[in-house]
Amino acid sequence: MNQETIITLIGLFASVSSIVFAILAFKRSERHDHKKEGKNEGLILADIGYIKACVDRMEKNLTSVDERYRKMIERLTKVEEDLMHVQKRLEEMAYKKGG
């Protein structure tokens, strides 16, 4: 083998090995990126789950408050009706005493 052939073979080997190393580095980097992306996606899903749980809890509390408000309105309506009956009786009593 002459010197030119050896230099050509070394150059060819260097080119092929650099391509192989570049491909391996790309694959490694891609796996690392996928791992990082998966971790971020997991965090986002966990946060969404927490937000959903909070919203469900708030809806439950709102339903409870709404029920208490409805009961209070019913009680207030009854008190107003009783007050009208009392006023009417007082007016009748005042009319009987005065008349």
Protein backbone atom coordinates (compact mmCIF):
# COMPACT_ATOMS: atom_id res chain seq x y z
CA MET A 1 0.00 0.00 0.00
CA ASN A 2 1.25 3.36 -0.85
CA GLN A 3 1.02 6.47 1.25
CA GLU A 4 -1.87 8.03 -0.70
CA THR A 5 -4.07 4.99 -0.18
CA ILE A 6 -3.38 4.99 3.55
CA ILE A 7 -4.19 8.70 3.81
CA THR A 8 -7.38 8.17 1.82
CA LEU A 9 -8.43 5.27 4.04
CA ILE A 10 -7.69 7.27 7.19
CA GLY A 11 -9.72 10.20 5.82
CA LEU A 12 -12.59 7.89 4.89
CA PHE A 13 -12.48 6.25 8.32
CA ALA A 14 -12.47 9.68 10.02
CA SER A 15 -15.44 10.82 7.93
CA VAL A 16 -17.46 7.67 8.66
CA SER A 17 -16.60 7.75 12.37
CA SER A 18 -17.58 11.44 12.63
CA ILE A 19 -20.93 10.66 10.99
CA VAL A 20 -21.49 7.74 13.40
CA PHE A 21 -20.56 9.86 16.42
CA ALA A 22 -22.85 12.65 15.22
CA ILE A 23 -25.75 10.20 14.86
CA LEU A 24 -25.08 8.74 18.33
CA ALA A 25 -24.91 12.23 19.86
CA PHE A 26 -28.15 13.18 18.13
CA LYS A 27 -29.90 10.04 19.46
CA ARG A 28 -28.64 10.71 22.98
CA SER A 29 -29.76 14.31 22.84
CA GLU A 30 -33.14 13.27 21.45
CA ARG A 31 -33.70 10.78 24.33
CA HIS A 32 -32.74 13.45 26.84
CA ASP A 33 -35.17 15.90 25.23
CA HIS A 34 -37.99 13.33 25.29
CA LYS A 35 -37.31 12.61 28.95
CA LYS A 36 -37.37 16.30 29.80
CA GLU A 37 -40.52 16.84 27.72
CA GLY A 38 -42.24 13.91 29.44
CA LYS A 39 -41.34 15.27 32.84
CA ASN A 40 -42.76 18.69 31.96
CA GLU A 41 -45.90 17.11 30.56
CA GLY A 42 -46.33 15.12 33.77
CA LEU A 43 -46.02 18.28 35.86
CA ILE A 44 -48.59 20.04 33.71
CA LEU A 45 -51.01 17.12 34.03
CA ALA A 46 -50.53 17.07 37.80
CA ASP A 47 -51.23 20.81 37.97
CA ILE A 48 -54.34 20.40 35.83
CA GLY A 49 -55.53 17.61 38.14
CA TYR A 50 -55.01 19.86 41.17
CA ILE A 51 -56.89 22.72 39.51
CA LYS A 52 -59.74 20.37 38.61
CA ALA A 53 -59.96 19.13 42.21
CA CYS A 54 -60.07 22.73 43.45
CA VAL A 55 -62.81 23.64 40.99
CA ASP A 56 -64.84 20.58 42.04
CA ARG A 57 -64.43 21.55 45.69
CA MET A 58 -65.52 25.13 44.95
CA GLU A 59 -68.58 23.89 43.05
CA LYS A 60 -69.53 21.74 46.04
CA ASN A 61 -69.12 24.72 48.39
CA LEU A 62 -71.13 26.93 46.05
CA THR A 63 -73.93 24.36 45.96
CA SER A 64 -73.93 24.28 49.77
CA VAL A 65 -74.04 28.09 49.98
CA ASP A 66 -76.83 28.19 47.40
CA GLU A 67 -78.86 25.66 49.42
CA ARG A 68 -78.41 27.67 52.63
CA TYR A 69 -79.39 30.86 50.79
CA ARG A 70 -82.54 29.20 49.43
CA LYS A 71 -83.51 27.99 52.93
CA MET A 72 -82.90 31.45 54.36
CA ILE A 73 -85.13 33.03 51.70
CA GLU A 74 -87.88 30.52 52.53
CA ARG A 75 -87.58 31.36 56.24
CA LEU A 76 -87.62 35.09 55.52
CA THR A 77 -90.75 34.68 53.41
CA LYS A 78 -92.48 32.86 56.28
CA VAL A 79 -91.43 35.57 58.73
CA GLU A 80 -92.77 38.27 56.41
CA GLU A 81 -96.09 36.41 56.12
CA ASP A 82 -96.31 36.03 59.91
CA LEU A 83 -95.48 39.73 60.32
CA MET A 84 -98.31 40.67 57.93
CA HIS A 85 -100.73 38.49 59.97
CA VAL A 86 -99.55 40.13 63.20
CA GLN A 87 -99.97 43.61 61.73
CA LYS A 88 -103.43 42.72 60.52
CA ARG A 89 -104.42 41.42 63.96
CA LEU A 90 -103.02 44.51 65.64
CA GLU A 91 -105.02 46.69 63.28
CA GLU A 92 -108.17 44.65 64.03
CA MET A 93 -107.55 44.91 67.76
CA ALA A 94 -106.93 48.63 67.50
CA TYR A 95 -110.09 49.04 65.44
CA LYS A 96 -112.18 47.09 68.01
CA LYS A 97 -110.83 49.07 70.93
CA GLY A 98 -111.15 52.37 69.18
CA GLY A 99 -114.50 51.74 67.57
